[in-house]
Amino acid sequence: METWHMVAHGKVQGVGYRAACEDLAIELGLGGWVRNRNDGTVEVMAYGPPERLAKLREWMEQGPPAAKVERLEVEPGEGEFELFEWRSSE
């Protein structure tokens, strides 16, 4: 089990990115959270098996149809999470 911290840059707010990300993470059985940040990015902390985290990462590189992801930062994260939740904006 691993924890990944990911930040999506580009047109990722106001396009359903956060909600779709939460839905996929729950479907994949991951724990963690997703939130919008004041700088226009979407931040995710996800916990689970590396192969499932990789599926979330792949999706985050594209996002939903209305999104335009310019860059995705991925680094090791901290914490273990049982459930995946939507957090209020930073």
N, C-alpha and C. Protein backbone atom coordinates (compact mmCIF):
# COMPACT_ATOMS: atom_id res chain seq x y z
N MET A 1 0.84 -1.18 0.00
CA MET A 1 0.00 0.00 0.00
C MET A 1 0.89 1.25 0.00
N GLU A 2 0.46 2.23 -0.79
CA GLU A 2 1.22 3.47 -0.90
C GLU A 2 0.27 4.66 -0.82
N THR A 3 0.85 5.83 -0.56
CA THR A 3 0.09 7.07 -0.59
C THR A 3 0.75 7.99 -1.61
N TRP A 4 -0.05 8.50 -2.54
CA TRP A 4 0.45 9.41 -3.58
C TRP A 4 -0.23 10.76 -3.42
N HIS A 5 0.57 11.81 -3.54
CA HIS A 5 0.07 13.19 -3.54
C HIS A 5 0.14 13.68 -4.98
N MET A 6 -1.00 14.10 -5.54
CA MET A 6 -1.04 14.52 -6.94
C MET A 6 -1.74 15.86 -7.05
N VAL A 7 -1.21 16.71 -7.95
CA VAL A 7 -1.79 18.03 -8.17
C VAL A 7 -1.95 18.22 -9.68
N ALA A 8 -3.20 18.44 -10.10
CA ALA A 8 -3.51 18.65 -11.51
C ALA A 8 -3.54 20.15 -11.81
N HIS A 9 -2.82 20.56 -12.85
CA HIS A 9 -2.76 21.95 -13.29
C HIS A 9 -3.47 22.09 -14.63
N GLY A 10 -4.02 23.25 -14.90
CA GLY A 10 -4.70 23.51 -16.16
C GLY A 10 -6.14 23.92 -15.90
N LYS A 11 -7.01 23.62 -16.85
CA LYS A 11 -8.44 23.91 -16.68
C LYS A 11 -9.06 22.71 -15.97
N VAL A 12 -8.99 22.73 -14.63
CA VAL A 12 -9.44 21.58 -13.85
C VAL A 12 -10.47 21.96 -12.78
N GLN A 13 -10.83 23.23 -12.71
CA GLN A 13 -11.89 23.64 -11.79
C GLN A 13 -13.08 24.11 -12.60
N GLY A 14 -14.29 23.80 -12.10
CA GLY A 14 -15.51 24.21 -12.80
C GLY A 14 -15.87 23.33 -13.97
N VAL A 15 -15.23 22.15 -14.07
CA VAL A 15 -15.48 21.25 -15.20
C VAL A 15 -15.86 19.84 -14.74
N GLY A 16 -16.14 19.67 -13.45
CA GLY A 16 -16.52 18.37 -12.92
C GLY A 16 -15.34 17.47 -12.59
N TYR A 17 -14.15 18.02 -12.60
CA TYR A 17 -12.94 17.22 -12.36
C TYR A 17 -12.94 16.60 -10.97
N ARG A 18 -13.19 17.43 -9.97
CA ARG A 18 -13.12 16.96 -8.58
C ARG A 18 -14.15 15.85 -8.32
N ALA A 19 -15.37 16.05 -8.76
CA ALA A 19 -16.43 15.05 -8.52
C ALA A 19 -16.13 13.75 -9.25
N ALA A 20 -15.67 13.84 -10.49
CA ALA A 20 -15.36 12.63 -11.26
C ALA A 20 -14.15 11.91 -10.67
N CYS A 21 -13.20 12.67 -10.16
CA CYS A 21 -12.02 12.09 -9.52
C CYS A 21 -12.44 11.32 -8.26
N GLU A 22 -13.31 11.92 -7.48
CA GLU A 22 -13.81 11.26 -6.27
C GLU A 22 -14.54 9.96 -6.63
N ASP A 23 -15.40 10.02 -7.64
CA ASP A 23 -16.15 8.83 -8.06
C ASP A 23 -15.21 7.69 -8.46
N LEU A 24 -14.17 8.02 -9.24
CA LEU A 24 -13.24 6.98 -9.70
C LEU A 24 -12.44 6.42 -8.52
N ALA A 25 -11.98 7.28 -7.63
CA ALA A 25 -11.21 6.81 -6.47
C ALA A 25 -12.04 5.86 -5.62
N ILE A 26 -13.31 6.18 -5.42
CA ILE A 26 -14.19 5.31 -4.65
C ILE A 26 -14.40 3.98 -5.39
N GLU A 27 -14.60 4.07 -6.70
CA GLU A 27 -14.77 2.86 -7.52
C GLU A 27 -13.53 1.97 -7.44
N LEU A 28 -12.35 2.58 -7.37
CA LEU A 28 -11.10 1.83 -7.30
C LEU A 28 -10.80 1.33 -5.88
N GLY A 29 -11.62 1.75 -4.91
CA GLY A 29 -11.43 1.32 -3.53
C GLY A 29 -10.28 2.02 -2.82
N LEU A 30 -9.96 3.25 -3.26
CA LEU A 30 -8.88 4.01 -2.66
C LEU A 30 -9.37 4.83 -1.48
N GLY A 31 -8.48 5.17 -0.59
CA GLY A 31 -8.76 6.10 0.48
C GLY A 31 -8.08 7.42 0.16
N GLY A 32 -8.47 8.47 0.87
CA GLY A 32 -7.83 9.77 0.67
C GLY A 32 -8.82 10.89 0.52
N TRP A 33 -8.40 11.92 -0.24
CA TRP A 33 -9.26 13.09 -0.42
C TRP A 33 -8.89 13.85 -1.68
N VAL A 34 -9.83 14.71 -2.10
CA VAL A 34 -9.63 15.60 -3.24
C VAL A 34 -10.17 16.97 -2.86
N ARG A 35 -9.50 18.02 -3.33
CA ARG A 35 -9.99 19.39 -3.07
C ARG A 35 -9.46 20.35 -4.13
N ASN A 36 -10.22 21.42 -4.33
CA ASN A 36 -9.76 22.53 -5.16
C ASN A 36 -8.80 23.37 -4.33
N ARG A 37 -7.81 23.96 -5.00
CA ARG A 37 -6.92 24.88 -4.31
C ARG A 37 -7.12 26.29 -4.88
N ASN A 38 -6.78 27.26 -4.07
CA ASN A 38 -6.99 28.66 -4.47
C ASN A 38 -6.21 29.05 -5.72
N ASP A 39 -5.16 28.32 -6.03
CA ASP A 39 -4.35 28.65 -7.22
C ASP A 39 -4.92 28.07 -8.51
N GLY A 40 -6.12 27.45 -8.45
CA GLY A 40 -6.77 26.92 -9.64
C GLY A 40 -6.46 25.45 -9.92
N THR A 41 -5.66 24.82 -9.07
CA THR A 41 -5.33 23.41 -9.26
C THR A 41 -6.29 22.53 -8.45
N VAL A 42 -6.23 21.24 -8.71
CA VAL A 42 -6.97 20.25 -7.92
C VAL A 42 -5.93 19.34 -7.28
N GLU A 43 -6.05 19.17 -5.96
CA GLU A 43 -5.09 18.39 -5.18
C GLU A 43 -5.74 17.09 -4.70
N VAL A 44 -4.97 16.01 -4.79
CA VAL A 44 -5.45 14.69 -4.37
C VAL A 44 -4.40 14.02 -3.49
N MET A 45 -4.85 13.41 -2.41
CA MET A 45 -4.02 12.52 -1.61
C MET A 45 -4.73 11.18 -1.67
N ALA A 46 -4.09 10.18 -2.25
CA ALA A 46 -4.74 8.89 -2.45
C ALA A 46 -3.91 7.76 -1.86
N TYR A 47 -4.59 6.81 -1.24
CA TYR A 47 -3.95 5.69 -0.55
C TYR A 47 -4.54 4.38 -1.05
N GLY A 48 -3.65 3.44 -1.42
CA GLY A 48 -4.11 2.14 -1.86
C GLY A 48 -3.00 1.37 -2.56
N PRO A 49 -3.36 0.27 -3.22
CA PRO A 49 -2.38 -0.52 -3.96
C PRO A 49 -1.82 0.29 -5.14
N PRO A 50 -0.52 0.18 -5.42
CA PRO A 50 0.10 0.97 -6.49
C PRO A 50 -0.59 0.84 -7.85
N GLU A 51 -1.07 -0.36 -8.19
CA GLU A 51 -1.70 -0.52 -9.51
C GLU A 51 -3.02 0.26 -9.60
N ARG A 52 -3.74 0.39 -8.50
CA ARG A 52 -4.97 1.19 -8.50
C ARG A 52 -4.65 2.68 -8.50
N LEU A 53 -3.61 3.06 -7.77
CA LEU A 53 -3.17 4.46 -7.79
C LEU A 53 -2.76 4.86 -9.20
N ALA A 54 -2.11 3.95 -9.91
CA ALA A 54 -1.69 4.22 -11.29
C ALA A 54 -2.89 4.46 -12.20
N LYS A 55 -3.98 3.74 -11.97
CA LYS A 55 -5.20 3.96 -12.77
C LYS A 55 -5.78 5.34 -12.50
N LEU A 56 -5.77 5.77 -11.23
CA LEU A 56 -6.24 7.11 -10.90
C LEU A 56 -5.33 8.16 -11.54
N ARG A 57 -4.04 7.93 -11.48
CA ARG A 57 -3.09 8.87 -12.09
C ARG A 57 -3.33 9.00 -13.59
N GLU A 58 -3.52 7.88 -14.26
CA GLU A 58 -3.79 7.91 -15.71
C GLU A 58 -5.01 8.76 -16.00
N TRP A 59 -6.09 8.56 -15.23
CA TRP A 59 -7.30 9.34 -15.44
C TRP A 59 -7.04 10.81 -15.17
N MET A 60 -6.31 11.11 -14.09
CA MET A 60 -6.05 12.50 -13.72
C MET A 60 -5.25 13.25 -14.78
N GLU A 61 -4.47 12.55 -15.57
CA GLU A 61 -3.69 13.19 -16.64
C GLU A 61 -4.60 13.70 -17.75
N GLN A 62 -5.82 13.17 -17.86
CA GLN A 62 -6.78 13.60 -18.88
C GLN A 62 -7.96 14.34 -18.26
N GLY A 63 -8.52 13.76 -17.20
CA GLY A 63 -9.68 14.34 -16.55
C GLY A 63 -10.95 14.12 -17.35
N PRO A 64 -12.05 14.75 -16.92
CA PRO A 64 -13.31 14.63 -17.66
C PRO A 64 -13.23 15.41 -18.97
N PRO A 65 -14.21 15.21 -19.86
CA PRO A 65 -14.15 15.82 -21.20
C PRO A 65 -13.93 17.34 -21.22
N ALA A 66 -14.50 18.09 -20.30
CA ALA A 66 -14.38 19.56 -20.33
C ALA A 66 -13.05 20.07 -19.76
N ALA A 67 -12.28 19.19 -19.15
CA ALA A 67 -11.01 19.60 -18.54
C ALA A 67 -9.90 19.68 -19.58
N LYS A 68 -8.89 20.47 -19.26
CA LYS A 68 -7.67 20.53 -20.07
C LYS A 68 -6.49 20.50 -19.11
N VAL A 69 -6.00 19.28 -18.85
CA VAL A 69 -4.91 19.10 -17.91
C VAL A 69 -3.59 19.44 -18.61
N GLU A 70 -2.89 20.42 -18.08
CA GLU A 70 -1.61 20.82 -18.66
C GLU A 70 -0.45 20.04 -18.05
N ARG A 71 -0.59 19.69 -16.76
CA ARG A 71 0.51 19.03 -16.07
C ARG A 71 -0.04 18.36 -14.82
N LEU A 72 0.54 17.21 -14.47
CA LEU A 72 0.16 16.51 -13.24
C LEU A 72 1.42 16.25 -12.43
N GLU A 73 1.47 16.83 -11.24
CA GLU A 73 2.58 16.58 -10.32
C GLU A 73 2.24 15.34 -9.50
N VAL A 74 3.19 14.43 -9.36
CA VAL A 74 2.99 13.22 -8.55
C VAL A 74 4.21 13.04 -7.67
N GLU A 75 3.96 12.84 -6.38
CA GLU A 75 5.04 12.61 -5.43
C GLU A 75 4.53 11.72 -4.31
N PRO A 76 5.42 11.12 -3.54
CA PRO A 76 4.96 10.32 -2.41
C PRO A 76 4.17 11.18 -1.43
N GLY A 77 3.10 10.62 -0.90
CA GLY A 77 2.28 11.33 0.07
C GLY A 77 2.44 10.73 1.45
N GLU A 78 1.68 11.27 2.39
CA GLU A 78 1.73 10.78 3.76
C GLU A 78 0.33 10.45 4.25
N GLY A 79 0.25 9.45 5.08
CA GLY A 79 -1.01 9.09 5.71
C GLY A 79 -1.64 7.84 5.10
N GLU A 80 -2.51 7.25 5.89
CA GLU A 80 -3.30 6.10 5.45
C GLU A 80 -4.76 6.48 5.64
N PHE A 81 -5.57 6.23 4.63
CA PHE A 81 -6.97 6.67 4.63
C PHE A 81 -7.88 5.50 4.31
N GLU A 82 -8.93 5.36 5.08
CA GLU A 82 -9.87 4.26 4.87
C GLU A 82 -10.88 4.61 3.77
N LEU A 83 -11.40 5.84 3.80
CA LEU A 83 -12.41 6.29 2.85
C LEU A 83 -11.86 7.42 2.00
N PHE A 84 -12.53 7.65 0.86
CA PHE A 84 -12.15 8.78 0.00
C PHE A 84 -13.21 9.85 0.14
N GLU A 85 -12.77 11.10 0.34
CA GLU A 85 -13.73 12.19 0.57
C GLU A 85 -13.38 13.44 -0.22
N TRP A 86 -14.36 14.28 -0.34
CA TRP A 86 -14.26 15.58 -1.00
C TRP A 86 -14.04 16.58 0.12
N ARG A 87 -12.92 17.30 0.10
CA ARG A 87 -12.61 18.29 1.12
C ARG A 87 -12.92 19.69 0.60
N SER A 88 -13.18 20.60 1.51
CA SER A 88 -13.44 21.97 1.10
C SER A 88 -12.16 22.59 0.55
N SER A 89 -12.32 23.61 -0.26
CA SER A 89 -11.20 24.23 -0.94
C SER A 89 -10.17 24.77 0.05
N GLU A 90 -8.93 24.76 -0.40
CA GLU A 90 -7.84 25.27 0.42
C GLU A 90 -7.86 26.78 0.40
